[in-house]
Amino acid sequence: MDLNFTPEEEAFRQEVRDFFKENLPDDIRDAVRQGGELTKETMERYHAILNKKGWLATTWPKEYGGPGWGPVERHIFDEESCAAYAPRIVPFGLSMLGPVLQKFGSQEQKDYYLPRILNGDDWWCQGYSEPGAGSDLASLKTRAVRDGDEWVINGQKTWTTLGQHADWIFCLVRTDPDVKQQEGISFILVDMSTPGVEVRPIKLIEGGHEVNEVFFTDVRVPYKNLVGEENKGWTIAKYLLTHERTGIAGVGFSMLELEEVKALAKKVIRNGKPLSEDPLFAARVAQAEIDLEAMKLTNLRMLFTAQKNGAPGPETSILKIKGTVINQELKDLGRRALGPNAAPFPKSLAGTNLDVAPDGHANNAARYFNNRKTSIFGGSNEIQRNILTKTMLGL
C-alpha cells in the first residue's frame, strides 16, 4: 500500500478544508472547541449542511445518496473535519443502520428509510445492550413474539445513547428462546412513539444526559419491520458492530487532541519551566504520539481491506482497543496539565493566575470522565481482545 497521497487526494483535502472554512458556522465550531454537550438542533443543522453538499453519509455508495468515497477520501474527510472543530456525525442512522439496510434490508425498507436518514426526517438510536447483556450481548432477554402481522415486544434496553431525541430505535430481540443464544435473535425496527415505549434518563459521572434506559411493555410493531431473516439477527449485529468499532477509533479527534495537549504543555508553567520540558510528562506525550501514528497507518490499512471485501473485518477490534486507549490517555494528559483548573466548571479558570486561555479547556475534566466509557461501549476492550485471539490468532 502506497502511503503517499496523490495530487488528486491532496486537492480533495484542500477542497474539504475550504468547505469547512466557508460553511461551518462559528457557533457550532465554538461549541465543539469548548467540549460541551451539543444540542439536537445543532447536530441537525450540521447534518443538513453536509447533506446539501452530498457529504453526510460518508460510507454510502452513490446509488443510495452517499458520495461514493473510497477509504482515503473518508480518512481525509475525518482528519479535516476534526481539525476544523466540526462535530462528530451522529452514527446511528448514517454509519450503522444505513449499511445494514443496504446489505440486509428489503427493497421497501431501503426505499423508505434511507432517504429519511439522509434528510434528517428520522433520528435513530441503538437498542443492543441490556442489564446483564452488555459485552455478553448474546444473552439478551428482550422478547419479540409474533402475533399475526405484528411483533409484541417486552423487555429493557440500557445505555441507549441519545435515545431522548430518537424517533426510531433498531433493536436486537429474542424471537426463539429454545435454541442456542446467537441463533434465536432478530433485528427489528421500532417507532419510539409506539404505545408501551418508555425512555428514562441516565445521568453520567460528569453530570450530562447522554444515555438512557428504554422499556418495552407490550409494544406492537409491524412484522415487516423485521430486517433480514427471522432468528438471523446475530449476523446483522456483528456486521453492524464492525462499522461501529471502526468509528469509535476516532483517529482524527485524537490527532486534534494531541496538538491541543502539546500547545497546553508549552503554556503551563511548573517549577519555573513549561510543562513540555518536564521529562516524565514529555515522555507520556511522545509515547501517545508514537501509538497514534501507528494507529493511523493501521486505520488506513483496514479501510483498504474494507473497500476490497465490502465490509470491515474482525481487525476493527484493534482500532477499537487502541483508539479508545490512546484517546483516554490524551484526555488524561490534558487534565493533568491543567491540574485543579481542569475541574468541570466553566468558571474554574476565572480569576486564576494560570496563563492559559479558558477557551476549549474549561471542560477538560468533564471530557475526561465522559470518555471513560469509550473502552466499554461497542463491546468492551476485554471482549475485543477475545475476538482477536479467536478470529485472528485461532486460540
Protein backbone atom coordinates (compact mmCIF):
# COMPACT_ATOMS: atom_id res chain seq x y z
CA MET A 1 0.00 0.00 0.00
CA ASP A 2 1.39 3.39 -1.05
CA LEU A 3 1.01 5.69 1.94
CA ASN A 4 1.79 8.85 -0.02
CA PHE A 5 -1.22 10.91 -1.02
CA THR A 6 -1.64 11.55 -4.73
CA PRO A 7 -2.01 15.11 -6.13
CA GLU A 8 -5.73 14.38 -6.60
CA GLU A 9 -6.08 13.34 -2.97
CA GLU A 10 -4.22 16.43 -1.79
CA ALA A 11 -6.57 18.54 -3.93
CA PHE A 12 -9.51 16.81 -2.29
CA ARG A 13 -8.04 17.60 1.14
CA GLN A 14 -7.90 21.28 0.21
CA GLU A 15 -11.49 21.13 -1.02
CA VAL A 16 -12.62 19.68 2.31
CA ARG A 17 -10.57 22.25 4.22
CA ASP A 18 -12.09 25.11 2.22
CA PHE A 19 -15.58 23.71 2.67
CA PHE A 20 -15.35 23.72 6.45
CA LYS A 21 -13.78 27.18 6.47
CA GLU A 22 -16.64 28.58 4.41
CA ASN A 23 -19.63 26.57 5.65
CA LEU A 24 -19.15 25.51 9.28
CA PRO A 25 -20.99 28.07 11.45
CA ASP A 26 -18.88 29.76 14.11
CA ASP A 27 -21.29 28.86 16.91
CA ILE A 28 -21.03 25.15 16.07
CA ARG A 29 -17.23 25.34 15.79
CA ASP A 30 -17.02 27.12 19.16
CA ALA A 31 -19.33 24.60 20.84
CA VAL A 32 -17.09 21.72 19.71
CA ARG A 33 -13.92 23.57 20.74
CA GLN A 34 -15.36 24.13 24.22
CA GLY A 35 -16.09 20.42 24.59
CA GLY A 36 -19.66 20.96 25.74
CA GLU A 37 -22.74 18.86 25.03
CA LEU A 38 -24.21 19.58 21.60
CA THR A 39 -27.95 20.01 21.22
CA LYS A 40 -30.11 18.02 18.81
CA GLU A 41 -30.81 21.22 16.89
CA THR A 42 -27.09 21.84 16.47
CA MET A 43 -26.46 18.36 15.16
CA GLU A 44 -29.43 18.51 12.77
CA ARG A 45 -28.21 21.83 11.42
CA TYR A 46 -24.72 20.42 10.86
CA HIS A 47 -26.07 17.28 9.19
CA ALA A 48 -28.16 19.44 6.84
CA ILE A 49 -25.05 21.41 5.81
CA LEU A 50 -23.20 18.21 4.96
CA ASN A 51 -26.20 16.66 3.22
CA LYS A 52 -26.60 19.70 0.98
CA LYS A 53 -23.01 19.15 -0.15
CA GLY A 54 -23.58 15.40 -0.53
CA TRP A 55 -21.03 14.58 2.17
CA LEU A 56 -23.21 13.38 5.04
CA ALA A 57 -23.28 9.61 4.55
CA THR A 58 -19.54 9.21 4.10
CA THR A 59 -19.63 5.40 3.87
CA TRP A 60 -22.59 5.14 1.48
CA PRO A 61 -22.26 4.45 -2.26
CA LYS A 62 -23.66 6.98 -4.73
CA GLU A 63 -26.65 4.81 -5.56
CA TYR A 64 -28.02 5.41 -2.07
CA GLY A 65 -27.15 9.11 -1.88
CA GLY A 66 -23.64 8.91 -0.48
CA PRO A 67 -20.51 10.48 -2.00
CA GLY A 68 -19.12 7.09 -3.08
CA TRP A 69 -15.78 7.79 -1.44
CA GLY A 70 -13.01 5.27 -1.06
CA PRO A 71 -11.09 4.77 2.20
CA VAL A 72 -8.57 7.54 1.51
CA GLU A 73 -11.25 10.17 0.90
CA ARG A 74 -13.06 9.14 4.08
CA HIS A 75 -9.80 9.28 6.02
CA ILE A 76 -9.01 12.75 4.68
CA PHE A 77 -12.53 13.98 5.42
CA ASP A 78 -12.33 12.70 9.01
CA GLU A 79 -8.96 14.35 9.56
CA GLU A 80 -10.04 17.71 8.18
CA SER A 81 -13.43 17.75 9.92
CA CYS A 82 -11.70 17.19 13.26
CA ALA A 83 -9.07 19.83 12.53
CA ALA A 84 -11.89 22.29 11.75
CA TYR A 85 -13.63 21.54 15.08
CA ALA A 86 -16.64 20.10 13.27
CA PRO A 87 -18.91 17.80 15.30
CA ARG A 88 -18.74 14.05 15.02
CA ILE A 89 -21.52 12.87 12.70
CA VAL A 90 -24.20 11.09 14.75
CA PRO A 91 -23.55 7.50 13.67
CA PHE A 92 -26.69 5.51 14.44
CA GLY A 93 -28.67 6.06 11.27
CA LEU A 94 -25.83 7.01 8.93
CA SER A 95 -22.90 4.76 9.83
CA MET A 96 -24.68 1.84 11.48
CA LEU A 97 -28.25 1.27 10.32
CA GLY A 98 -27.66 2.63 6.82
CA PRO A 99 -25.05 0.00 5.85
CA VAL A 100 -27.20 -2.72 7.48
CA LEU A 101 -30.26 -1.80 5.40
CA GLN A 102 -28.18 -1.61 2.25
CA LYS A 103 -26.91 -5.16 2.81
CA PHE A 104 -29.79 -6.94 4.57
CA GLY A 105 -32.88 -4.76 4.14
CA SER A 106 -35.78 -5.35 1.77
CA GLN A 107 -36.19 -3.04 -1.20
CA GLU A 108 -39.18 -1.47 0.54
CA GLN A 109 -37.07 -0.76 3.64
CA LYS A 110 -34.26 0.75 1.57
CA ASP A 111 -36.62 2.96 -0.41
CA TYR A 112 -38.37 4.25 2.70
CA TYR A 113 -35.74 4.56 5.42
CA LEU A 114 -32.52 5.50 3.61
CA PRO A 115 -33.79 8.82 2.17
CA ARG A 116 -35.29 9.72 5.55
CA ILE A 117 -31.96 9.08 7.27
CA LEU A 118 -30.20 11.38 4.81
CA ASN A 119 -32.81 14.14 5.03
CA GLY A 120 -32.89 14.08 8.82
CA ASP A 121 -36.58 13.05 8.91
CA ASP A 122 -35.77 10.23 11.34
CA TRP A 123 -33.33 10.32 14.28
CA TRP A 124 -32.20 6.79 15.19
CA CYS A 125 -30.80 5.18 18.32
CA GLN A 126 -29.42 1.71 19.03
CA GLY A 127 -31.15 -0.93 21.17
CA TYR A 128 -28.45 -3.51 21.85
CA SER A 129 -27.23 -3.54 25.47
CA GLU A 130 -29.42 -4.68 28.34
CA PRO A 131 -28.94 -5.09 32.10
CA GLY A 132 -26.93 -8.31 32.22
CA ALA A 133 -26.31 -8.29 28.47
CA GLY A 134 -23.69 -5.70 27.67
CA SER A 135 -20.46 -7.19 26.39
CA ASP A 136 -22.21 -10.59 26.63
CA LEU A 137 -24.75 -9.33 24.14
CA ALA A 138 -25.93 -12.77 23.03
CA SER A 139 -27.57 -13.28 26.44
CA LEU A 140 -30.11 -10.51 25.77
CA LYS A 141 -33.63 -11.18 27.06
CA THR A 142 -35.90 -8.63 25.38
CA ARG A 143 -38.56 -10.81 23.71
CA ALA A 144 -40.47 -10.34 20.49
CA VAL A 145 -43.38 -12.73 19.96
CA ARG A 146 -45.20 -12.84 16.66
CA ASP A 147 -48.95 -12.17 16.78
CA GLY A 148 -50.37 -12.27 13.26
CA ASP A 149 -48.86 -9.40 11.28
CA GLU A 150 -47.23 -7.87 14.35
CA TRP A 151 -44.46 -8.41 16.85
CA VAL A 152 -45.21 -7.90 20.54
CA ILE A 153 -42.05 -6.73 22.31
CA ASN A 154 -41.34 -6.77 26.05
CA GLY A 155 -38.04 -6.03 27.77
CA GLN A 156 -35.48 -3.37 28.54
CA LYS A 157 -32.51 -1.77 26.82
CA THR A 158 -29.89 0.35 28.58
CA TRP A 159 -27.10 2.82 27.76
CA THR A 160 -29.19 3.96 24.79
CA THR A 161 -27.18 6.92 23.53
CA LEU A 162 -29.26 9.99 22.55
CA GLY A 163 -32.42 7.93 22.92
CA GLN A 164 -34.17 11.00 24.35
CA HIS A 165 -34.01 12.55 20.87
CA ALA A 166 -34.76 9.46 18.79
CA ASP A 167 -37.78 8.88 16.55
CA TRP A 168 -36.81 5.24 15.90
CA ILE A 169 -34.71 2.54 17.53
CA PHE A 170 -33.18 -0.52 15.87
CA CYS A 171 -33.28 -3.42 18.32
CA LEU A 172 -31.90 -6.87 18.83
CA VAL A 173 -34.66 -9.03 20.31
CA ARG A 174 -35.04 -12.70 21.16
CA THR A 175 -37.52 -14.40 18.85
CA ASP A 176 -36.67 -18.03 19.67
CA PRO A 177 -35.74 -18.80 23.30
CA ASP A 178 -35.28 -22.53 22.71
CA VAL A 179 -32.17 -22.53 20.53
CA LYS A 180 -28.53 -21.54 21.01
CA GLN A 181 -28.41 -17.91 22.16
CA GLN A 182 -26.92 -16.48 18.96
CA GLU A 183 -29.40 -18.38 16.77
CA GLY A 184 -32.62 -17.02 18.30
CA ILE A 185 -32.09 -13.29 17.83
CA SER A 186 -33.75 -10.97 15.29
CA PHE A 187 -33.16 -7.36 14.19
CA ILE A 188 -36.32 -5.21 14.32
CA LEU A 189 -37.07 -1.50 13.75
CA VAL A 190 -39.32 0.19 16.33
CA ASP A 191 -41.07 3.57 16.18
CA MET A 192 -40.31 5.26 19.51
CA SER A 193 -43.78 6.85 19.58
CA THR A 194 -45.43 3.41 19.76
CA PRO A 195 -47.52 2.90 22.93
CA GLY A 196 -45.54 0.98 25.55
CA VAL A 197 -42.13 2.54 24.78
CA GLU A 198 -40.74 4.49 27.75
CA VAL A 199 -37.41 6.36 27.87
CA ARG A 200 -35.77 7.17 31.22
CA PRO A 201 -32.61 9.28 31.50
CA ILE A 202 -29.33 8.08 33.00
CA LYS A 203 -27.10 10.83 34.40
CA LEU A 204 -23.41 10.32 33.69
CA ILE A 205 -20.48 10.90 36.03
CA GLU A 206 -19.79 14.38 34.64
CA GLY A 207 -23.45 15.36 35.00
CA GLY A 208 -24.50 15.05 31.37
CA HIS A 209 -27.59 13.30 29.98
CA GLU A 210 -26.33 11.33 27.03
CA VAL A 211 -27.64 7.82 27.68
CA ASN A 212 -30.97 6.31 28.68
CA GLU A 213 -32.91 3.24 29.66
CA VAL A 214 -35.65 2.18 27.23
CA PHE A 215 -38.52 -0.03 28.41
CA PHE A 216 -40.85 -2.01 26.14
CA THR A 217 -44.23 -3.09 27.52
CA ASP A 218 -46.45 -4.97 25.05
CA VAL A 219 -45.10 -2.82 22.21
CA ARG A 220 -46.75 -3.79 18.92
CA VAL A 221 -44.59 -3.47 15.83
CA PRO A 222 -45.49 -4.41 12.22
CA TYR A 223 -43.96 -7.72 11.16
CA LYS A 224 -42.48 -6.01 8.08
CA ASN A 225 -40.14 -4.06 10.41
CA LEU A 226 -38.01 -7.19 10.68
CA VAL A 227 -34.69 -6.66 8.87
CA GLY A 228 -33.26 -9.74 7.19
CA GLU A 229 -34.42 -13.19 8.21
CA GLU A 230 -36.10 -14.12 11.47
CA ASN A 231 -33.62 -15.53 14.02
CA LYS A 232 -30.66 -14.36 11.89
CA GLY A 233 -30.15 -11.06 13.68
CA TRP A 234 -26.81 -12.07 15.19
CA THR A 235 -25.23 -11.98 11.73
CA ILE A 236 -26.57 -8.45 11.26
CA ALA A 237 -25.44 -7.47 14.77
CA LYS A 238 -21.83 -8.50 14.06
CA TYR A 239 -21.85 -6.70 10.71
CA LEU A 240 -23.12 -3.50 12.34
CA LEU A 241 -20.61 -3.67 15.17
CA THR A 242 -17.65 -3.76 12.77
CA HIS A 243 -18.82 -0.39 11.41
CA GLU A 244 -19.38 0.95 14.94
CA ARG A 245 -15.94 -0.12 16.17
CA THR A 246 -14.17 1.47 13.21
CA GLY A 247 -15.85 4.78 14.04
CA ILE A 248 -15.10 4.56 17.76
CA ALA A 249 -11.36 4.64 16.98
CA GLY A 250 -11.64 8.41 16.40
CA VAL A 251 -8.23 8.88 14.76
CA GLY A 252 -8.94 12.45 13.68
CA PHE A 253 -10.14 13.50 17.12
CA SER A 254 -7.03 12.04 18.74
CA MET A 255 -4.82 13.92 16.28
CA LEU A 256 -6.52 17.16 17.30
CA GLU A 257 -6.32 16.25 20.98
CA LEU A 258 -2.59 15.59 20.66
CA GLU A 259 -1.94 19.06 19.22
CA GLU A 260 -4.01 20.67 21.97
CA VAL A 261 -2.08 18.80 24.68
CA LYS A 262 1.24 19.90 23.15
CA ALA A 263 0.13 23.53 22.97
CA LEU A 264 -1.20 23.45 26.51
CA ALA A 265 2.02 21.92 27.87
CA LYS A 266 4.01 24.83 26.41
CA LYS A 267 1.82 27.36 28.24
CA VAL A 268 1.54 25.72 31.65
CA ILE A 269 4.44 26.61 33.94
CA ARG A 270 5.58 24.09 36.55
CA ASN A 271 8.60 24.74 38.77
CA GLY A 272 9.57 27.72 36.65
CA LYS A 273 9.57 25.84 33.34
CA PRO A 274 6.98 24.93 30.71
CA LEU A 275 5.37 21.58 31.41
CA SER A 276 6.53 20.45 27.98
CA GLU A 277 10.08 20.37 29.36
CA ASP A 278 9.15 18.03 32.20
CA PRO A 279 10.76 14.70 31.18
CA LEU A 280 8.03 12.46 32.59
CA PHE A 281 5.19 14.43 31.02
CA ALA A 282 7.07 14.76 27.72
CA ALA A 283 7.70 11.00 27.66
CA ARG A 284 3.99 10.28 28.03
CA VAL A 285 3.13 12.70 25.23
CA ALA A 286 5.80 11.15 22.99
CA GLN A 287 4.50 7.63 23.62
CA ALA A 288 0.94 8.71 22.86
CA GLU A 289 2.11 10.28 19.60
CA ILE A 290 4.01 7.13 18.60
CA ASP A 291 0.94 4.99 19.32
CA LEU A 292 -1.27 7.39 17.38
CA GLU A 293 0.99 7.32 14.31
CA ALA A 294 0.91 3.52 14.35
CA MET A 295 -2.86 3.55 14.65
CA LYS A 296 -3.22 5.98 11.73
CA LEU A 297 -1.40 3.52 9.48
CA THR A 298 -3.45 0.62 10.83
CA ASN A 299 -6.63 2.57 10.19
CA LEU A 300 -5.67 3.20 6.56
CA ARG A 301 -4.78 -0.44 6.04
CA MET A 302 -8.11 -1.60 7.41
CA LEU A 303 -10.06 0.88 5.33
CA PHE A 304 -8.41 -0.53 2.22
CA THR A 305 -9.34 -4.04 3.37
CA ALA A 306 -12.92 -2.92 3.91
CA GLN A 307 -13.06 -1.45 0.41
CA LYS A 308 -11.78 -4.69 -1.09
CA ASN A 309 -14.03 -7.03 0.92
CA GLY A 310 -17.12 -4.85 1.12
CA ALA A 311 -17.14 -4.57 4.93
CA PRO A 312 -14.65 -4.17 7.78
CA GLY A 313 -13.41 -7.41 9.32
CA PRO A 314 -12.60 -8.50 12.88
CA GLU A 315 -9.45 -6.39 12.66
CA THR A 316 -11.64 -3.43 13.62
CA SER A 317 -11.28 -4.69 17.19
CA ILE A 318 -7.65 -3.50 17.03
CA LEU A 319 -8.81 0.01 16.13
CA LYS A 320 -11.41 -0.04 18.87
CA ILE A 321 -8.89 -1.05 21.54
CA LYS A 322 -6.03 1.21 20.54
CA GLY A 323 -8.22 4.14 19.53
CA THR A 324 -10.02 4.33 22.85
CA VAL A 325 -6.88 3.78 24.93
CA ILE A 326 -4.95 6.49 23.07
CA ASN A 327 -7.78 9.00 23.32
CA GLN A 328 -8.23 8.32 27.03
CA GLU A 329 -4.50 8.84 27.56
CA LEU A 330 -4.58 12.18 25.71
CA LYS A 331 -7.55 13.40 27.72
CA ASP A 332 -5.78 12.37 30.91
CA LEU A 333 -2.69 14.33 29.86
CA GLY A 334 -4.81 17.41 29.17
CA ARG A 335 -6.49 17.10 32.55
CA ARG A 336 -3.19 16.65 34.36
CA ALA A 337 -1.66 19.61 32.54
CA LEU A 338 -4.32 21.93 33.94
CA GLY A 339 -4.28 20.39 37.41
CA PRO A 340 -7.00 21.85 39.69
CA ASN A 341 -8.09 24.20 36.91
CA ALA A 342 -9.39 21.24 34.94
CA ALA A 343 -12.37 20.99 37.30
CA PRO A 344 -15.54 20.52 35.27
CA PHE A 345 -16.90 24.00 35.80
CA PRO A 346 -16.57 26.69 33.11
CA LYS A 347 -15.81 29.37 35.71
CA SER A 348 -13.00 27.41 37.30
CA LEU A 349 -10.35 29.29 35.33
CA ALA A 350 -11.73 32.76 36.04
CA GLY A 351 -9.55 34.83 38.33
CA THR A 352 -6.67 32.38 38.36
CA ASN A 353 -3.07 33.24 37.55
CA LEU A 354 -2.75 30.36 35.13
CA ASP A 355 -1.54 31.76 31.81
CA VAL A 356 -3.88 29.61 29.76
CA ALA A 357 -6.92 30.83 27.85
CA PRO A 358 -10.10 29.18 29.16
CA ASP A 359 -11.43 28.56 25.66
CA GLY A 360 -11.51 24.85 24.99
CA HIS A 361 -10.13 23.84 28.40
CA ALA A 362 -12.85 24.67 30.92
CA ASN A 363 -14.48 21.28 30.39
CA ASN A 364 -11.33 19.15 30.35
CA ALA A 365 -12.22 17.10 33.42
CA ALA A 366 -15.80 16.56 32.23
CA ARG A 367 -14.49 15.37 28.87
CA TYR A 368 -12.02 13.06 30.64
CA PHE A 369 -14.70 11.44 32.80
CA ASN A 370 -17.17 11.13 29.92
CA ASN A 371 -14.53 9.48 27.76
CA ARG A 372 -14.00 6.63 30.25
CA LYS A 373 -16.99 4.94 28.62
CA THR A 374 -15.34 4.51 25.22
CA SER A 375 -13.34 1.45 26.26
CA ILE A 376 -16.61 -0.16 27.39
CA PHE A 377 -19.26 0.61 24.77
CA GLY A 378 -19.29 -1.03 21.36
CA GLY A 379 -18.05 -4.16 23.12
CA SER A 380 -15.59 -3.71 25.99
CA ASN A 381 -11.89 -3.80 25.18
CA GLU A 382 -11.59 -7.10 27.07
CA ILE A 383 -14.17 -8.62 24.72
CA GLN A 384 -12.32 -7.14 21.71
CA ARG A 385 -9.16 -8.95 22.80
CA ASN A 386 -11.12 -12.19 22.97
CA ILE A 387 -12.41 -11.60 19.44
CA LEU A 388 -8.88 -11.05 18.16
CA THR A 389 -7.50 -14.18 19.81
CA LYS A 390 -10.29 -16.33 18.36
CA THR A 391 -10.72 -14.92 14.85
CA MET A 392 -7.19 -13.83 14.00
CA LEU A 393 -4.91 -15.98 16.15
CA GLY A 394 -7.07 -19.10 16.29
CA LEU A 395 -6.57 -19.53 20.03
